[in-house]
């Protein structure tokens, strides 16, 4: 069996000597018009010192370390809505140096109370309508951005069946039952998660200041599993039936990550080894009235 390869590349450049902001000191006359601005600034500082004013940590800006997009075109309207809503929940999240990012903790659930809709979701390979269907596309998109950013993956789970919006082995399922996506910031500077729907694409980015390197993802198919035929019985009054068995092969696939400095590979990682079940599907057309 021949192996198949899937490659993607991203580069990053370190900003090792950031320019310090220019500082100047101005003198103010007692009756200067600018004295009002000074009073307001002093008041804000006092409120902050008393703990009565809070501010979100400053978002680091810089290089896009990893970016990835998945297609929303083949999804239901509710799945697209839920994927975009999950993206809005993680957008702007700051990951401090050494900190672990948790997708589930950041989104804080995908129930009706959180504004999510019912949409098809897979439970042990069975599609049912439930709140949050489509959220896994957001976690999958973010997972690939984290892989391309070179971040250590601490927790990731595959689906029972390979979803169509990502290459096999590159999906990341999330669920209430402790199934999460977690990765760590290994850099001595903070990172920022950016996520949004851009037309019919869902795009996630990891921003920060990274070392100059190239990350290449490779996939290798290790085995294939043909779908088993599904036995269906036509209803009463059906004289002739034409059966069409369609489905999708199952497979075992491994994902690897290589780091390059220029043209030289400096590190090789085995990321995952997943097995996806085949999908069996039966479709039929019938002609009635003839026995």
Protein backbone atom coordinates (compact mmCIF):
# COMPACT_ATOMS: atom_id res chain seq x y z
CA UNK A 1 0.00 0.00 0.00
CA UNK A 2 1.50 3.31 -1.01
CA UNK A 3 1.73 6.08 1.52
CA UNK A 4 0.11 9.44 0.92
CA UNK A 5 1.70 12.71 2.02
CA UNK A 6 0.12 16.01 2.97
CA UNK A 7 2.40 19.01 3.49
CA UNK A 8 1.85 22.51 4.77
CA UNK A 9 4.47 25.14 5.61
CA UNK A 10 4.56 28.21 7.77
CA UNK A 11 7.44 30.48 8.75
CA UNK A 12 8.01 32.82 11.67
CA UNK A 13 10.66 35.41 12.49
CA UNK A 14 11.77 36.35 15.98
CA UNK A 15 11.82 39.96 17.13
CA UNK A 16 14.79 39.72 19.46
CA UNK A 17 15.35 43.45 19.94
CA UNK A 18 11.98 45.17 20.16
CA UNK A 19 12.17 48.94 20.14
CA UNK A 20 11.32 50.49 23.48
CA UNK A 21 8.65 53.17 23.28
CA UNK A 22 9.96 56.72 23.22
CA UNK A 23 9.46 58.47 26.55
CA UNK A 24 9.23 62.24 27.00
CA UNK A 25 8.50 64.41 30.02
CA UNK A 26 6.42 67.53 29.67
CA UNK A 27 5.87 70.23 32.26
CA UNK A 28 2.40 71.60 32.90
CA UNK A 29 1.54 75.03 34.20
CA UNK A 30 -0.93 75.09 37.04
CA UNK A 31 -3.60 76.67 34.85
CA UNK A 32 -2.70 74.79 31.63
CA UNK A 33 -5.69 73.39 29.69
CA UNK A 34 -3.98 70.00 29.84
CA UNK A 35 -4.40 69.90 33.61
CA UNK A 36 -7.87 68.40 33.16
CA UNK A 37 -6.43 65.43 31.30
CA UNK A 38 -3.90 64.98 34.09
CA UNK A 39 -6.65 64.95 36.71
CA UNK A 40 -8.57 62.32 34.75
CA UNK A 41 -5.44 60.18 34.38
CA UNK A 42 -4.74 60.41 38.11
CA UNK A 43 -8.32 59.39 38.83
CA UNK A 44 -8.02 56.32 36.61
CA UNK A 45 -4.77 55.33 38.35
CA UNK A 46 -6.46 55.70 41.74
CA UNK A 47 -9.38 53.49 40.71
CA UNK A 48 -6.98 50.85 39.42
CA UNK A 49 -5.00 50.96 42.67
CA UNK A 50 -8.20 50.45 44.67
CA UNK A 51 -9.15 47.47 42.52
CA UNK A 52 -12.25 49.23 41.18
CA UNK A 53 -11.05 49.22 37.59
CA UNK A 54 -9.88 46.14 35.70
CA UNK A 55 -8.41 45.81 32.25
CA UNK A 56 -7.85 42.90 29.92
CA UNK A 57 -4.15 42.07 29.45
CA UNK A 58 -2.61 43.77 26.47
CA UNK A 59 -2.77 41.62 23.37
CA UNK A 60 0.69 40.89 21.95
CA UNK A 61 1.10 41.73 18.32
CA UNK A 62 3.66 40.38 15.92
CA UNK A 63 4.26 37.39 13.70
CA UNK A 64 1.55 34.94 12.67
CA UNK A 65 3.14 31.70 13.84
CA UNK A 66 0.47 29.39 12.47
CA UNK A 67 -2.73 29.88 10.48
CA UNK A 68 -5.27 27.41 9.14
CA UNK A 69 -8.68 27.56 7.50
CA UNK A 70 -11.48 25.04 6.97
CA UNK A 71 -14.42 25.17 4.57
CA UNK A 72 -17.90 25.90 5.93
CA UNK A 73 -19.64 25.46 2.59
CA UNK A 74 -20.69 21.84 3.13
CA UNK A 75 -22.12 22.40 6.61
CA UNK A 76 -25.69 23.07 7.69
CA UNK A 77 -26.62 26.67 8.59
CA UNK A 78 -26.73 25.79 12.31
CA UNK A 79 -23.35 24.05 12.15
CA UNK A 80 -21.85 27.12 10.50
CA UNK A 81 -23.43 29.36 13.13
CA UNK A 82 -22.08 27.25 16.01
CA UNK A 83 -18.59 27.07 14.49
CA UNK A 84 -18.49 30.86 14.14
CA UNK A 85 -19.86 31.37 17.66
CA UNK A 86 -17.15 29.11 19.11
CA UNK A 87 -14.57 31.06 17.11
CA UNK A 88 -15.86 34.31 18.62
CA UNK A 89 -15.48 32.78 22.10
CA UNK A 90 -11.78 31.97 21.64
CA UNK A 91 -10.86 35.03 19.59
CA UNK A 92 -8.47 37.29 21.48
CA UNK A 93 -7.51 34.71 24.11
CA UNK A 94 -4.01 35.43 25.43
CA UNK A 95 -1.80 32.47 26.38
CA UNK A 96 0.89 33.50 28.86
CA UNK A 97 4.39 31.96 28.67
CA UNK A 98 4.23 28.37 29.87
CA UNK A 99 0.43 28.47 30.16
CA UNK A 100 -1.87 25.72 28.86
CA UNK A 101 -4.77 26.67 26.61
CA UNK A 102 -7.98 24.65 27.00
CA UNK A 103 -10.58 24.92 24.26
CA UNK A 104 -13.46 23.74 26.47
CA UNK A 105 -12.59 26.10 29.34
CA UNK A 106 -12.25 29.03 26.97
CA UNK A 107 -15.54 28.43 25.12
CA UNK A 108 -17.25 27.66 28.48
CA UNK A 109 -19.75 25.21 27.04
CA UNK A 110 -21.99 25.15 23.99
CA UNK A 111 -25.46 24.90 25.51
CA UNK A 112 -28.55 26.92 24.63
CA UNK A 113 -27.74 29.26 27.53
CA UNK A 114 -24.46 30.08 25.79
CA UNK A 115 -26.30 30.94 22.59
CA UNK A 116 -25.59 27.77 20.60
CA UNK A 117 -28.13 26.04 18.36
CA UNK A 118 -29.07 22.42 17.74
CA UNK A 119 -27.25 20.89 14.78
CA UNK A 120 -26.02 17.44 13.69
CA UNK A 121 -23.34 16.11 16.02
CA UNK A 122 -21.69 12.68 16.17
CA UNK A 123 -22.11 10.48 19.24
CA UNK A 124 -20.14 7.25 18.85
CA UNK A 125 -20.53 7.55 15.11
CA UNK A 126 -24.28 8.27 15.16
CA UNK A 127 -25.45 11.67 13.95
CA UNK A 128 -28.07 13.30 16.17
CA UNK A 129 -29.25 16.88 16.60
CA UNK A 130 -27.82 18.46 19.73
CA UNK A 131 -26.64 21.83 20.94
CA UNK A 132 -23.23 22.79 19.66
CA UNK A 133 -23.10 20.69 16.50
CA UNK A 134 -20.31 22.23 14.42
CA UNK A 135 -18.14 23.30 17.36
CA UNK A 136 -15.65 20.55 16.51
CA UNK A 137 -14.86 22.32 13.25
CA UNK A 138 -13.61 25.27 15.29
CA UNK A 139 -11.49 23.06 17.58
CA UNK A 140 -10.12 21.25 14.51
CA UNK A 141 -9.19 24.51 12.79
CA UNK A 142 -7.46 25.77 15.92
CA UNK A 143 -5.65 22.44 16.36
CA UNK A 144 -4.08 22.76 12.92
CA UNK A 145 -3.03 26.35 13.59
CA UNK A 146 -1.38 25.21 16.84
CA UNK A 147 0.41 22.38 15.01
CA UNK A 148 1.75 24.80 12.41
CA UNK A 149 2.81 27.22 15.14
CA UNK A 150 5.00 24.49 16.62
CA UNK A 151 3.12 24.35 19.93
CA UNK A 152 3.23 21.22 22.13
CA UNK A 153 -0.12 19.41 21.99
CA UNK A 154 -1.14 18.11 25.42
CA UNK A 155 -4.58 16.67 24.60
CA UNK A 156 -6.36 15.95 21.35
CA UNK A 157 -8.94 13.32 20.34
CA UNK A 158 -9.95 12.08 16.86
CA UNK A 159 -13.53 11.55 15.72
CA UNK A 160 -14.98 8.08 15.21
CA UNK A 161 -15.29 8.82 11.50
CA UNK A 162 -12.94 11.16 9.66
CA UNK A 163 -14.76 14.48 9.10
CA UNK A 164 -14.72 16.01 5.66
CA UNK A 165 -13.49 19.48 6.66
CA UNK A 166 -9.92 18.42 7.55
CA UNK A 167 -7.40 15.85 6.33
CA UNK A 168 -7.63 12.49 8.15
CA UNK A 169 -5.55 12.59 11.32
CA UNK A 170 -5.82 16.36 11.60
CA UNK A 171 -9.21 16.66 13.34
CA UNK A 172 -9.79 17.47 17.02
CA UNK A 173 -13.05 16.39 18.68
CA UNK A 174 -14.40 18.08 21.81
CA UNK A 175 -17.25 16.96 24.07
CA UNK A 176 -18.64 17.54 27.54
CA UNK A 177 -17.34 14.17 28.75
CA UNK A 178 -13.79 15.39 29.32
CA UNK A 179 -12.84 15.38 25.64
CA UNK A 180 -10.83 18.58 25.19
CA UNK A 181 -8.18 20.21 23.03
CA UNK A 182 -5.23 21.52 25.06
CA UNK A 183 -1.85 22.89 24.03
CA UNK A 184 0.92 24.87 25.73
CA UNK A 185 2.77 28.09 24.98
CA UNK A 186 6.49 27.14 25.06
CA UNK A 187 7.76 30.64 24.33
CA UNK A 188 8.93 33.28 26.85
CA UNK A 189 6.37 35.73 25.44
CA UNK A 190 2.56 35.63 25.29
CA UNK A 191 0.60 34.32 22.33
CA UNK A 192 -2.78 35.43 21.03
CA UNK A 193 -5.50 33.28 19.45
CA UNK A 194 -7.35 34.83 16.54
CA UNK A 195 -10.44 33.09 15.15
CA UNK A 196 -13.28 34.22 12.90
CA UNK A 197 -15.49 33.25 10.02
CA UNK A 198 -14.21 34.80 6.81
CA UNK A 199 -16.92 34.26 4.22
CA UNK A 200 -17.41 30.51 3.93
CA UNK A 201 -14.07 29.82 5.61
CA UNK A 202 -13.35 29.43 9.31
CA UNK A 203 -9.84 30.73 10.02
CA UNK A 204 -7.72 30.42 13.18
CA UNK A 205 -4.34 32.06 13.78
CA UNK A 206 -1.72 31.93 16.51
CA UNK A 207 0.10 35.25 16.84
CA UNK A 208 3.22 36.15 18.80
CA UNK A 209 6.97 36.38 18.37
CA UNK A 210 8.46 33.08 17.33
CA UNK A 211 11.83 31.78 16.28
CA UNK A 212 12.62 31.71 12.61
CA UNK A 213 11.75 28.19 11.52
CA UNK A 214 9.56 26.24 9.15
CA UNK A 215 7.01 23.66 10.27
CA UNK A 216 5.95 20.93 7.85
CA UNK A 217 3.09 18.51 8.58
CA UNK A 218 3.13 15.11 6.89
CA UNK A 219 0.50 12.38 6.83
CA UNK A 220 0.98 8.70 6.07
CA UNK A 221 -1.83 6.24 5.44
CA UNK A 222 -0.94 2.99 7.21
CA UNK A 223 -4.02 0.89 6.40
CA UNK A 224 -7.42 1.00 4.72
CA UNK A 225 -10.73 -0.63 5.70
CA UNK A 226 -13.52 -1.15 3.17
CA UNK A 227 -17.08 -0.42 4.34
CA UNK A 228 -19.26 -3.45 4.96
CA UNK A 229 -22.53 -3.67 2.97
CA UNK A 230 -25.67 -2.57 4.79
CA UNK A 231 -28.69 -4.90 4.63
CA UNK A 232 -31.92 -2.94 4.13
CA UNK A 233 -35.44 -4.26 3.65
CA UNK A 234 -37.87 -2.35 1.42
CA UNK A 235 -41.31 -1.61 2.82
CA UNK A 236 -44.54 -3.46 2.06
CA UNK A 237 -45.94 -3.03 -1.44
CA UNK A 238 -42.54 -2.63 -3.04
CA UNK A 239 -42.20 -4.75 -6.15
CA UNK A 240 -38.78 -3.90 -7.47
CA UNK A 241 -35.93 -2.10 -5.77
CA UNK A 242 -32.68 -0.74 -7.08
CA UNK A 243 -30.04 -0.64 -4.37
CA UNK A 244 -27.03 1.66 -4.28
CA UNK A 245 -24.47 1.01 -1.57
CA UNK A 246 -22.18 3.97 -1.04
CA UNK A 247 -19.89 4.82 1.82
CA UNK A 248 -16.40 5.83 2.81
CA UNK A 249 -13.33 3.74 3.51
CA UNK A 250 -11.96 3.65 7.01
CA UNK A 251 -8.27 4.16 7.51
CA UNK A 252 -5.36 4.24 9.89
CA UNK A 253 -3.25 7.36 9.46
CA UNK A 254 -0.18 8.79 11.18
CA UNK A 255 0.72 12.48 11.39
CA UNK A 256 4.28 13.78 11.72
CA UNK A 257 5.68 17.25 12.30
CA UNK A 258 9.09 18.39 11.07
CA UNK A 259 10.91 21.58 12.01
CA UNK A 260 13.34 23.12 9.54
CA UNK A 261 16.03 25.78 9.84
CA UNK A 262 16.49 26.80 6.25
CA UNK A 263 16.74 23.58 4.25
CA UNK A 264 17.93 21.48 7.20
CA UNK A 265 15.52 19.46 9.31
CA UNK A 266 16.31 20.08 12.96
CA UNK A 267 13.52 18.14 14.68
CA UNK A 268 11.06 15.37 13.85
CA UNK A 269 7.95 14.54 15.89
CA UNK A 270 5.35 11.78 15.69
CA UNK A 271 2.10 13.59 16.48
CA UNK A 272 -0.66 10.98 16.26
CA UNK A 273 -1.68 7.53 15.04
CA UNK A 274 -5.45 7.33 14.52
CA UNK A 275 -7.88 4.74 13.21
CA UNK A 276 -11.17 5.85 11.63
CA UNK A 277 -14.06 3.48 11.09
CA UNK A 278 -15.49 3.01 7.59
CA UNK A 279 -18.91 4.45 6.80
CA UNK A 280 -21.53 2.15 5.30
CA UNK A 281 -24.53 3.78 3.69
CA UNK A 282 -27.47 2.29 1.78
CA UNK A 283 -29.61 4.20 -0.66
CA UNK A 284 -32.43 2.82 -2.75
CA UNK A 285 -35.09 3.80 -5.25
CA UNK A 286 -38.32 1.85 -5.50
CA UNK A 287 -41.16 1.19 -7.93
CA UNK A 288 -44.45 0.24 -6.32
CA UNK A 289 -47.75 -1.28 -7.57
CA UNK A 290 -46.30 -4.39 -9.26
CA UNK A 291 -46.11 -7.65 -7.38
